[in-house]
Each structure stands twice: as C-alpha cells, then as structure tokens.
Amino acid sequence: MNRLSRFSTLSNLARFSGLSRHFKMSNYSGLTGSSRLSISSIRPRHTWLTLGCTLLLLTAGCGGTSAPSSDNSLPPGASPAVSTPSATPTEEPAPFRAPLTGMPSKVDIASRPYLVMVENSPQARPQTGLDKADIVYEILAEGEITRFVSVFQSVNVPTVGPVRSIRPYFVEIGDMLDAVIVHAGWSQDAMNILSGRKLAHLDQVYGDDAYYWRATDRKAPHNLYTSTEKMAEGAVARKFRKEWKGPQPLFAKNTPVTLTGTSARKIEIPYISGYKVSYEYEAANNTYKRSMAGQPHLDKESGQQLETVNLLVLESKHTILDKEGRRNVNVFGPGKGVLLQQGKSLAITWERKDGMIRPYADGKEVPLLPGNTWVQIVPLGTELKLE
C-alpha cells in the first residue's frame, strides 16, 4: 500500500470513529444496587478493538521507534504457522478432608490437635489466632467472664493468645478430643484430672515456659502467647504420642444443605449483665459474624471480624463451687440448644457421644457444614434473642 492510499484509509477510519463517539451504553433501570450493560452496548467495544488493530497494521511501516521489519510474505503454496494455545492446567481436587472442619486438604491430617486456653478479660482483647481455630468453645469461668477453648489442627498458626489457666470442664473437652492441652496454670481440680489421667499438656507456669513468649505491648498476665510451631516443639520434647485417636464430627456430604428450621439472621446471647455476645448472618459468605459487648470481635493481628459457619448455642447446668466463684459446668449433656447455619436455626438436643459434643434432632445427629464451628455453652434458662 502506498503512502497516499494509507493516508486515505486512515482518514476514512478517523471519520468512522467520530461517529462511534455518539454511541452510549444503556443501563437497565429498576435493578437494586447494580446496573447491567445491554447486549448492544458491548458492540462498540468490538468496533474499537477492530479499529485499533487495523490502525496498528496500517501504521506499522510508517516509521517510529520500532526496528524495520523484513519481508514476511509467504512463498506460493505455503501455509501460515498457527500457534496452538497451551491447555490451562486444572488443579487436582484435594484428596483428603480436615477431620475437625470437613474442608478439603491436600494432606491426610492424622496429628493430634492442640487445645489452647485463651483469655477473655477486657485487658486481653482483642485476642489473636481465634480466627484460625477449627473449633472454639466459649464457656464461663470464675470472675463472671468467659474463656475460649480454642482447638487447632488443620492449619499452622503463628500466634495464639493470650493464654491463661485451665479448669476441670475445659480439661474434659481436651480429653474427649485427644488434644494436647496448652495452658498457663490450673485449679487444683483441673490438675488432679490432668495428672490422674496422665493427659498430654504444656503448662507455662510449671515447666514448659520455653514454648511460650510474652508480648511487650501488654502487661502480664494478659500478654502470654504461643504458636503451633512452639506447641509442636513442646510435644516432641515431652515425647507425647503423635498419632491422633480422637473423634470426628459428622459433616454434610453434599453442600449446599439448608436447615429446615426458622429464619435466624441475628442472635444475642447474654452471658452475664453487661456482657453479651451476638452473631449476624452474612449471606455473601454463609457465615455468622461475631460481636462482643456491642462491638465487632476482631482478631488483633489480621483486624478481621471473627466468623463461623456453624454456630451451636447449648444450655448446660452451671454450679458455683467456692467463694472465688469457680464453677462446675456440665459438658456431657444431655441438654437443649439451637444450631444456626446459613441464616436458619434449628432447635436441637445435645450430648457428648462417641467422644465429642454432638447436636441431634428427631433422634438423628444433625450434620455440620464444612467449615469452622463455634460452640456457646450457656447456663440453664439463658434467654436468647433470635431475629
């Protein structure tokens, strides 16, 4: 093509592109919170793409910074080389499932979980690592405040805490899960169970301080932390059994599965006067977002709000044992409760069976959805507010 023909073609294209500027995308009206492009509005994009490609081809020989190209014309009878796109590799499905979450796993998880006692006094907030726990139990201790029994098995966690002391009913949960119990101190009744049953545990106060550290941004005793790496070091040093012999929850085999119960977008759980826990359903993630004392409950390190796929609220008998307010809490059942999943609630009964606390409805175990689980154990007669 000579220079004059090339200039004429460019001029015609420029005039045509001027017409294209008058084309506008149309929006559908009446849609809530979003708009859509009509099919016709997609066409100008193809037109511009065609024009751009044509302009590039026409101007390729007109000079510029590119090196001059040699004549690439093919000899008669020759076929142009066709590049074949490489096949997109598909990721192999995970062959295993994490025992305590039911989530896909690339490795067969057979090691014992760690049960870490995490403090919940105001000086300990916000906590670290609860967002990565497979299961969390929240239960009252003395002092009219709760503690978190956090269970870690499926992921490595760089920081967990603040770590505090243990009580007998916390030990019972650790024993039923065949977990390595991680704590800083104990009540005498708790130690009697630990030593009497020869349970695997790492006690920062008495002999296992090497597997913990104290943060400098908080005052003791609210600044004690550990990690799954440190816990593993301690378990090896103490020669604890590695193989896990614990129970597994029942998970739904096919998802999505929806409870047949009533709508439950929000729940409020009053533990004591002035301290309430609440969860609000977020449909986008199919999780319940946790708030505490009227504020979103955030992880200290990530800043993310804690959330759960499965939420169990279980009534249990609580008994005050002494003037310090130490309690005995029934973690064996049976009892009544409610299960929340995917914006629905279901009245259940619960009991410890085959090694762990399980929900039942009409005499059958109710499966959990794959994901994490929070268990709120509350005194008998606690008035829940469901919306």
Protein backbone atom coordinates (compact mmCIF):
# COMPACT_ATOMS: atom_id res chain seq x y z
CA MET A 1 0.00 0.00 0.00
CA ASN A 2 1.47 3.44 -1.00
CA ARG A 3 1.56 6.43 1.32
CA LEU A 4 -1.44 8.13 -0.35
CA SER A 5 -3.66 5.03 -0.05
CA ARG A 6 -2.60 4.55 3.52
CA PHE A 7 -3.43 8.17 4.37
CA SER A 8 -6.86 7.87 2.66
CA THR A 9 -7.70 4.76 4.62
CA LEU A 10 -6.66 6.37 7.89
CA SER A 11 -8.83 9.39 7.16
CA ASN A 12 -11.88 7.23 6.50
CA LEU A 13 -11.33 5.33 9.71
CA ALA A 14 -11.00 8.56 11.66
CA ARG A 15 -14.33 9.80 10.28
CA PHE A 16 -15.97 6.49 11.20
CA SER A 17 -14.58 6.62 14.72
CA GLY A 18 -16.05 10.09 15.14
CA LEU A 19 -19.48 8.57 14.65
CA SER A 20 -18.74 5.98 17.28
CA ARG A 21 -18.29 8.65 19.92
CA HIS A 22 -22.04 9.33 19.80
CA PHE A 23 -22.83 5.76 20.95
CA LYS A 24 -23.69 5.44 24.62
CA MET A 25 -24.05 2.41 26.89
CA SER A 26 -27.58 1.89 28.15
CA ASN A 27 -28.40 0.80 31.69
CA TYR A 28 -31.29 -1.35 32.73
CA SER A 29 -33.49 0.56 35.13
CA GLY A 30 -35.25 -0.85 38.15
CA LEU A 31 -32.35 -3.04 39.42
CA THR A 32 -31.48 -2.79 43.08
CA GLY A 33 -27.91 -1.79 43.85
CA SER A 34 -26.49 -2.73 40.46
CA SER A 35 -26.69 -1.98 36.79
CA ARG A 36 -26.17 -4.11 33.71
CA LEU A 37 -24.90 -3.47 30.22
CA SER A 38 -27.25 -4.25 27.32
CA ILE A 39 -26.06 -6.59 24.58
CA SER A 40 -25.94 -3.70 22.12
CA SER A 41 -23.66 -1.74 24.41
CA ILE A 42 -20.99 -4.42 24.08
CA ARG A 43 -20.67 -3.92 20.28
CA PRO A 44 -18.78 -0.62 20.30
CA ARG A 45 -16.03 -2.35 22.25
CA HIS A 46 -15.56 -4.83 19.42
CA THR A 47 -15.66 -1.97 16.89
CA TRP A 48 -12.95 -0.08 18.74
CA LEU A 49 -10.90 -3.25 19.02
CA THR A 50 -11.18 -3.79 15.25
CA LEU A 51 -10.29 -0.17 14.54
CA GLY A 52 -7.32 -0.30 16.89
CA CYS A 53 -5.99 -3.45 15.29
CA THR A 54 -6.44 -2.01 11.77
CA LEU A 55 -4.67 1.20 12.72
CA LEU A 56 -1.77 -0.72 14.17
CA LEU A 57 -1.43 -2.78 10.99
CA LEU A 58 -1.60 0.27 8.72
CA THR A 59 0.89 2.31 10.69
CA ALA A 60 3.39 -0.47 11.20
CA GLY A 61 5.52 0.66 8.24
CA CYS A 62 5.27 4.43 8.78
CA GLY A 63 8.34 4.82 10.96
CA GLY A 64 8.69 5.22 14.74
CA THR A 65 10.96 3.58 17.31
CA SER A 66 10.50 0.01 16.13
CA ALA A 67 13.24 -1.65 14.11
CA PRO A 68 12.38 -2.07 10.39
CA SER A 69 10.90 -5.47 9.62
CA SER A 70 11.92 -7.76 6.78
CA ASP A 71 9.53 -9.00 4.10
CA ASN A 72 7.47 -11.75 5.78
CA SER A 73 5.44 -12.71 2.67
CA LEU A 74 4.99 -16.48 2.30
CA PRO A 75 6.06 -18.40 -0.81
CA PRO A 76 3.27 -19.79 -3.02
CA GLY A 77 1.57 -22.84 -1.53
CA ALA A 78 2.98 -22.26 1.96
CA SER A 79 0.63 -22.26 4.97
CA PRO A 80 0.95 -19.70 7.77
CA ALA A 81 2.15 -21.04 11.07
CA VAL A 82 -0.70 -21.34 13.58
CA SER A 83 0.11 -21.05 17.27
CA THR A 84 -1.79 -23.56 19.36
CA PRO A 85 -2.71 -22.23 22.82
CA SER A 86 -1.46 -24.41 25.63
CA ALA A 87 -4.06 -26.17 27.69
CA THR A 88 -4.86 -24.47 31.00
CA PRO A 89 -3.77 -26.78 33.82
CA THR A 90 -6.58 -27.82 36.11
CA GLU A 91 -5.94 -28.14 39.81
CA GLU A 92 -6.34 -31.61 41.18
CA PRO A 93 -9.11 -31.90 43.77
CA ALA A 94 -7.86 -32.27 47.32
CA PRO A 95 -7.89 -35.98 48.16
CA PHE A 96 -8.49 -35.57 51.90
CA ARG A 97 -10.73 -33.73 54.36
CA ALA A 98 -9.66 -31.96 57.53
CA PRO A 99 -11.16 -34.02 60.38
CA LEU A 100 -12.49 -31.14 62.52
CA THR A 101 -13.67 -28.83 59.71
CA GLY A 102 -14.56 -31.13 56.84
CA MET A 103 -12.70 -28.80 54.48
CA PRO A 104 -10.59 -30.11 51.56
CA SER A 105 -6.99 -30.90 52.45
CA LYS A 106 -4.01 -31.86 50.30
CA VAL A 107 -2.56 -33.92 53.13
CA ASP A 108 -4.00 -36.58 55.39
CA ILE A 109 -4.21 -34.89 58.80
CA ALA A 110 -3.52 -37.51 61.44
CA SER A 111 -1.73 -35.49 64.14
CA ARG A 112 -3.24 -34.56 67.47
CA PRO A 113 -4.93 -31.18 67.74
CA TYR A 114 -3.86 -28.52 70.24
CA LEU A 115 -6.37 -27.13 72.70
CA VAL A 116 -5.34 -23.67 73.87
CA MET A 117 -6.94 -21.79 76.77
CA VAL A 118 -7.43 -18.19 75.59
CA GLU A 119 -8.32 -15.37 77.96
CA ASN A 120 -11.33 -13.07 77.51
CA SER A 121 -10.97 -10.38 80.15
CA PRO A 122 -11.12 -6.80 78.81
CA GLN A 123 -7.32 -6.49 79.20
CA ALA A 124 -6.85 -9.48 76.87
CA ARG A 125 -8.90 -8.10 73.99
CA PRO A 126 -8.57 -8.32 71.09
CA GLN A 127 -7.25 -11.86 71.06
CA THR A 128 -5.02 -13.42 68.41
CA GLY A 129 -5.49 -16.65 66.48
CA LEU A 130 -9.14 -17.43 67.20
CA ASP A 131 -9.93 -16.73 63.54
CA LYS A 132 -7.81 -19.75 62.57
CA ALA A 133 -9.23 -22.25 65.06
CA ASP A 134 -11.13 -25.29 63.79
CA ILE A 135 -13.46 -25.22 66.82
CA VAL A 136 -13.94 -22.67 69.61
CA TYR A 137 -15.93 -23.25 72.79
CA GLU A 138 -16.86 -20.20 74.86
CA ILE A 139 -17.68 -21.03 78.50
CA LEU A 140 -17.94 -19.06 81.73
CA ALA A 141 -15.08 -19.21 84.22
CA GLU A 142 -14.89 -17.51 87.63
CA GLY A 143 -14.83 -13.73 87.77
CA GLU A 144 -18.04 -13.54 85.71
CA ILE A 145 -16.17 -13.70 82.43
CA THR A 146 -15.80 -16.32 79.73
CA ARG A 147 -12.77 -18.13 78.36
CA PHE A 148 -12.20 -19.61 74.94
CA VAL A 149 -11.31 -23.26 74.48
CA SER A 150 -9.71 -22.99 71.04
CA VAL A 151 -8.84 -26.09 69.03
CA PHE A 152 -6.21 -26.06 66.24
CA GLN A 153 -5.44 -28.92 63.89
CA SER A 154 -5.89 -28.08 60.19
CA VAL A 155 -3.63 -25.01 59.85
CA ASN A 156 -0.42 -23.66 61.33
CA VAL A 157 -0.95 -20.55 63.46
CA PRO A 158 1.95 -18.16 64.18
CA THR A 159 0.37 -16.55 67.26
CA VAL A 160 -2.32 -17.67 69.70
CA GLY A 161 -3.32 -15.96 72.92
CA PRO A 162 -3.32 -14.54 75.48
CA VAL A 163 -3.01 -17.93 77.17
CA ARG A 164 -4.46 -18.45 80.66
CA SER A 165 -5.19 -21.18 83.20
CA ILE A 166 -7.41 -24.21 82.92
CA ARG A 167 -10.45 -25.58 84.77
CA PRO A 168 -11.84 -29.13 85.06
CA TYR A 169 -14.55 -28.81 82.39
CA PHE A 170 -12.01 -27.36 79.96
CA VAL A 171 -9.81 -30.39 80.61
CA GLU A 172 -12.76 -32.67 79.84
CA ILE A 173 -13.15 -31.11 76.39
CA GLY A 174 -9.45 -31.53 75.71
CA ASP A 175 -9.54 -35.15 76.85
CA MET A 176 -12.53 -36.04 74.69
CA LEU A 177 -10.78 -34.55 71.62
CA ASP A 178 -7.50 -36.37 72.41
CA ALA A 179 -5.79 -32.97 72.20
CA VAL A 180 -2.51 -31.69 73.59
CA ILE A 181 -3.77 -29.24 76.23
CA VAL A 182 -1.98 -25.88 76.33
CA HIS A 183 -2.42 -23.62 79.38
CA ALA A 184 -0.75 -21.39 81.95
CA GLY A 185 -1.66 -22.64 85.41
CA TRP A 186 -4.64 -24.56 86.71
CA SER A 187 -7.11 -25.05 89.52
CA GLN A 188 -6.37 -27.99 91.80
CA ASP A 189 -9.32 -29.96 90.48
CA ALA A 190 -8.10 -29.45 86.93
CA MET A 191 -4.59 -30.61 87.81
CA ASN A 192 -6.00 -33.67 89.55
CA ILE A 193 -7.61 -34.72 86.24
CA LEU A 194 -4.51 -33.89 84.17
CA SER A 195 -2.16 -35.86 86.39
CA GLY A 196 -4.60 -38.64 87.28
CA ARG A 197 -5.31 -39.46 83.62
CA LYS A 198 -1.73 -38.68 82.52
CA LEU A 199 -3.01 -36.32 79.85
CA ALA A 200 -0.64 -34.59 77.43
CA HIS A 201 -0.36 -30.92 78.38
CA LEU A 202 2.05 -27.98 78.21
CA ASP A 203 1.88 -25.77 81.31
CA GLN A 204 3.73 -22.47 81.02
CA VAL A 205 3.72 -21.90 84.77
CA TYR A 206 5.23 -25.26 85.72
CA GLY A 207 7.99 -26.42 83.41
CA ASP A 208 7.04 -25.53 79.84
CA ASP A 209 7.83 -21.81 79.63
CA ALA A 210 10.19 -22.38 76.66
CA TYR A 211 7.17 -22.91 74.40
CA TYR A 212 5.61 -19.51 75.12
CA TRP A 213 6.62 -15.86 74.97
CA ARG A 214 5.40 -12.60 76.47
CA ALA A 215 4.47 -9.64 74.29
CA THR A 216 5.75 -6.19 75.23
CA ASP A 217 2.64 -4.21 74.28
CA ARG A 218 0.56 -5.58 77.17
CA LYS A 219 1.07 -6.14 80.86
CA ALA A 220 1.29 -9.57 82.48
CA PRO A 221 -0.62 -11.82 82.85
CA HIS A 222 -2.52 -10.70 79.74
CA ASN A 223 0.45 -10.94 77.34
CA LEU A 224 1.32 -14.64 77.12
CA TYR A 225 1.32 -16.20 73.65
CA THR A 226 2.30 -19.38 71.85
CA SER A 227 2.16 -20.81 68.31
CA THR A 228 1.52 -24.17 66.70
CA GLU A 229 5.25 -24.37 65.97
CA LYS A 230 6.12 -23.85 69.63
CA MET A 231 3.46 -26.32 70.70
CA ALA A 232 4.85 -28.92 68.31
CA GLU A 233 8.35 -28.39 69.74
CA GLY A 234 6.99 -28.91 73.23
CA ALA A 235 5.09 -32.05 72.24
CA VAL A 236 8.27 -33.55 70.77
CA ALA A 237 10.38 -32.57 73.78
CA ARG A 238 7.84 -34.08 76.16
CA LYS A 239 7.56 -37.20 73.96
CA PHE A 240 3.81 -37.01 73.64
CA ARG A 241 2.10 -39.52 71.39
CA LYS A 242 1.86 -38.13 67.84
CA GLU A 243 -0.97 -40.21 66.41
CA TRP A 244 -4.45 -38.83 66.91
CA LYS A 245 -7.09 -41.12 68.37
CA GLY A 246 -9.82 -38.56 68.70
CA PRO A 247 -13.38 -38.42 67.37
CA GLN A 248 -14.65 -36.59 64.31
CA PRO A 249 -17.81 -34.53 63.79
CA LEU A 250 -20.42 -35.53 61.24
CA PHE A 251 -20.33 -33.28 58.18
CA ALA A 252 -22.83 -32.88 55.39
CA LYS A 253 -21.67 -34.90 52.39
CA ASN A 254 -23.25 -32.68 49.76
CA THR A 255 -23.41 -28.91 50.04
CA PRO A 256 -25.25 -26.62 49.95
CA VAL A 257 -27.52 -28.05 52.63
CA THR A 258 -30.09 -25.83 54.30
CA LEU A 259 -31.67 -26.41 57.69
CA THR A 260 -35.42 -26.81 57.71
CA GLY A 261 -35.72 -24.50 60.72
CA THR A 262 -36.82 -20.89 61.06
CA SER A 263 -35.04 -17.78 59.83
CA ALA A 264 -32.18 -16.62 62.06
CA ARG A 265 -30.36 -13.55 60.76
CA LYS A 266 -29.13 -12.48 64.18
CA ILE A 267 -28.79 -13.92 67.67
CA GLU A 268 -27.94 -12.28 71.00
CA ILE A 269 -26.51 -14.36 73.85
CA PRO A 270 -26.44 -12.73 77.30
CA TYR A 271 -23.81 -14.44 79.43
CA ILE A 272 -23.84 -12.00 82.35
CA SER A 273 -25.05 -8.47 83.00
CA GLY A 274 -23.20 -6.09 80.71
CA TYR A 275 -21.59 -8.82 78.61
CA LYS A 276 -23.42 -10.00 75.54
CA VAL A 277 -22.29 -11.97 72.54
CA SER A 278 -24.07 -11.61 69.21
CA TYR A 279 -23.78 -13.03 65.73
CA GLU A 280 -25.20 -11.63 62.50
CA TYR A 281 -25.59 -13.64 59.32
CA GLU A 282 -23.70 -12.58 56.21
CA ALA A 283 -25.23 -14.26 53.19
CA ALA A 284 -22.30 -13.48 50.88
CA ASN A 285 -20.02 -15.85 52.83
CA ASN A 286 -22.67 -18.02 54.51
CA THR A 287 -21.11 -17.17 57.86
CA TYR A 288 -22.15 -15.59 61.15
CA LYS A 289 -20.10 -12.52 62.08
CA ARG A 290 -19.33 -12.29 65.78
CA SER A 291 -19.69 -9.22 68.00
CA MET A 292 -18.82 -8.95 71.68
CA ALA A 293 -20.01 -6.34 74.17
CA GLY A 294 -21.69 -4.47 71.33
CA GLN A 295 -18.61 -4.24 69.10
CA PRO A 296 -17.34 -6.41 66.22
CA HIS A 297 -14.98 -9.02 67.64
CA LEU A 298 -11.75 -8.60 65.69
CA ASP A 299 -8.54 -10.56 65.53
CA LYS A 300 -5.63 -8.49 66.86
CA GLU A 301 -3.22 -9.32 64.05
CA SER A 302 -5.43 -9.50 60.95
CA GLY A 303 -8.03 -6.96 62.03
CA GLN A 304 -10.72 -9.24 60.55
CA GLN A 305 -14.02 -9.85 62.31
CA LEU A 306 -14.37 -13.36 63.70
CA GLU A 307 -16.95 -15.51 61.92
CA THR A 308 -18.24 -19.06 61.90
CA VAL A 309 -20.00 -21.40 59.52
CA ASN A 310 -21.64 -23.49 62.26
CA LEU A 311 -22.94 -21.90 65.46
CA LEU A 312 -24.14 -24.02 68.38
CA VAL A 313 -25.72 -22.49 71.50
CA LEU A 314 -26.08 -25.12 74.22
CA GLU A 315 -27.78 -24.89 77.61
CA SER A 316 -25.90 -26.58 80.43
CA LYS A 317 -26.08 -26.82 84.20
CA HIS A 318 -23.61 -24.47 85.93
CA THR A 319 -22.77 -24.87 89.63
CA ILE A 320 -20.73 -22.43 91.76
CA LEU A 321 -18.19 -24.39 93.82
CA ASP A 322 -16.47 -21.90 96.13
CA LYS A 323 -16.25 -18.28 97.26
CA GLU A 324 -13.87 -17.48 94.40
CA GLY A 325 -16.70 -18.30 92.02
CA ARG A 326 -15.16 -21.38 90.45
CA ARG A 327 -17.71 -23.37 88.55
CA ASN A 328 -18.58 -26.85 87.52
CA VAL A 329 -20.08 -26.87 84.03
CA ASN A 330 -21.74 -29.93 82.56
CA VAL A 331 -20.10 -30.65 79.19
CA PHE A 332 -21.53 -34.16 78.91
CA GLY A 333 -25.24 -33.42 78.46
CA PRO A 334 -27.87 -34.18 77.58
CA GLY A 335 -29.35 -30.75 77.15
CA LYS A 336 -31.23 -28.41 74.84
CA GLY A 337 -29.84 -25.96 72.35
CA VAL A 338 -30.07 -24.33 68.95
CA LEU A 339 -27.99 -24.76 65.80
CA LEU A 340 -27.56 -21.90 63.33
CA GLN A 341 -26.40 -22.41 59.74
CA GLN A 342 -26.92 -20.40 56.53
CA GLY A 343 -29.39 -17.97 58.09
CA LYS A 344 -31.57 -20.69 59.62
CA SER A 345 -31.98 -22.00 63.16
CA LEU A 346 -32.98 -25.43 64.39
CA ALA A 347 -33.97 -26.48 67.90
CA ILE A 348 -31.77 -29.40 68.94
CA THR A 349 -30.73 -31.57 71.83
CA TRP A 350 -27.06 -32.19 72.53
CA GLU A 351 -24.88 -34.69 74.34
CA ARG A 352 -21.35 -35.98 74.39
CA LYS A 353 -21.39 -39.14 72.33
CA ASP A 354 -18.64 -41.06 70.59
CA GLY A 355 -16.09 -38.72 72.07
CA MET A 356 -17.50 -35.25 71.38
CA ILE A 357 -20.44 -32.90 71.82
CA ARG A 358 -22.95 -33.53 69.03
CA PRO A 359 -26.30 -31.95 68.00
CA TYR A 360 -29.41 -34.09 67.46
CA ALA A 361 -32.88 -33.52 66.03
CA ASP A 362 -35.63 -36.15 66.00
CA GLY A 363 -33.15 -38.68 67.35
CA LYS A 364 -30.66 -38.24 64.50
CA GLU A 365 -27.34 -36.42 64.51
CA VAL A 366 -27.52 -33.15 62.59
CA PRO A 367 -24.53 -32.78 60.24
CA LEU A 368 -22.33 -29.71 60.33
CA LEU A 369 -21.42 -27.81 57.21
CA PRO A 370 -17.76 -27.88 56.14
CA GLY A 371 -16.01 -25.01 57.88
CA ASN A 372 -15.27 -23.85 61.41
CA THR A 373 -17.58 -24.20 64.40
CA TRP A 374 -18.20 -22.01 67.45
CA VAL A 375 -19.94 -23.52 70.48
CA GLN A 376 -21.52 -21.19 73.03
CA ILE A 377 -22.23 -23.04 76.31
CA VAL A 378 -24.62 -21.04 78.47
CA PRO A 379 -26.35 -21.55 81.85
CA LEU A 380 -29.79 -23.12 82.01
CA GLY A 381 -32.59 -20.66 81.37
CA THR A 382 -30.50 -18.21 79.33
CA GLU A 383 -32.87 -16.12 77.23
CA LEU A 384 -31.67 -15.94 73.67
CA LYS A 385 -32.85 -13.24 71.28
CA LEU A 386 -33.32 -14.56 67.76
CA GLU A 387 -34.25 -12.37 64.81
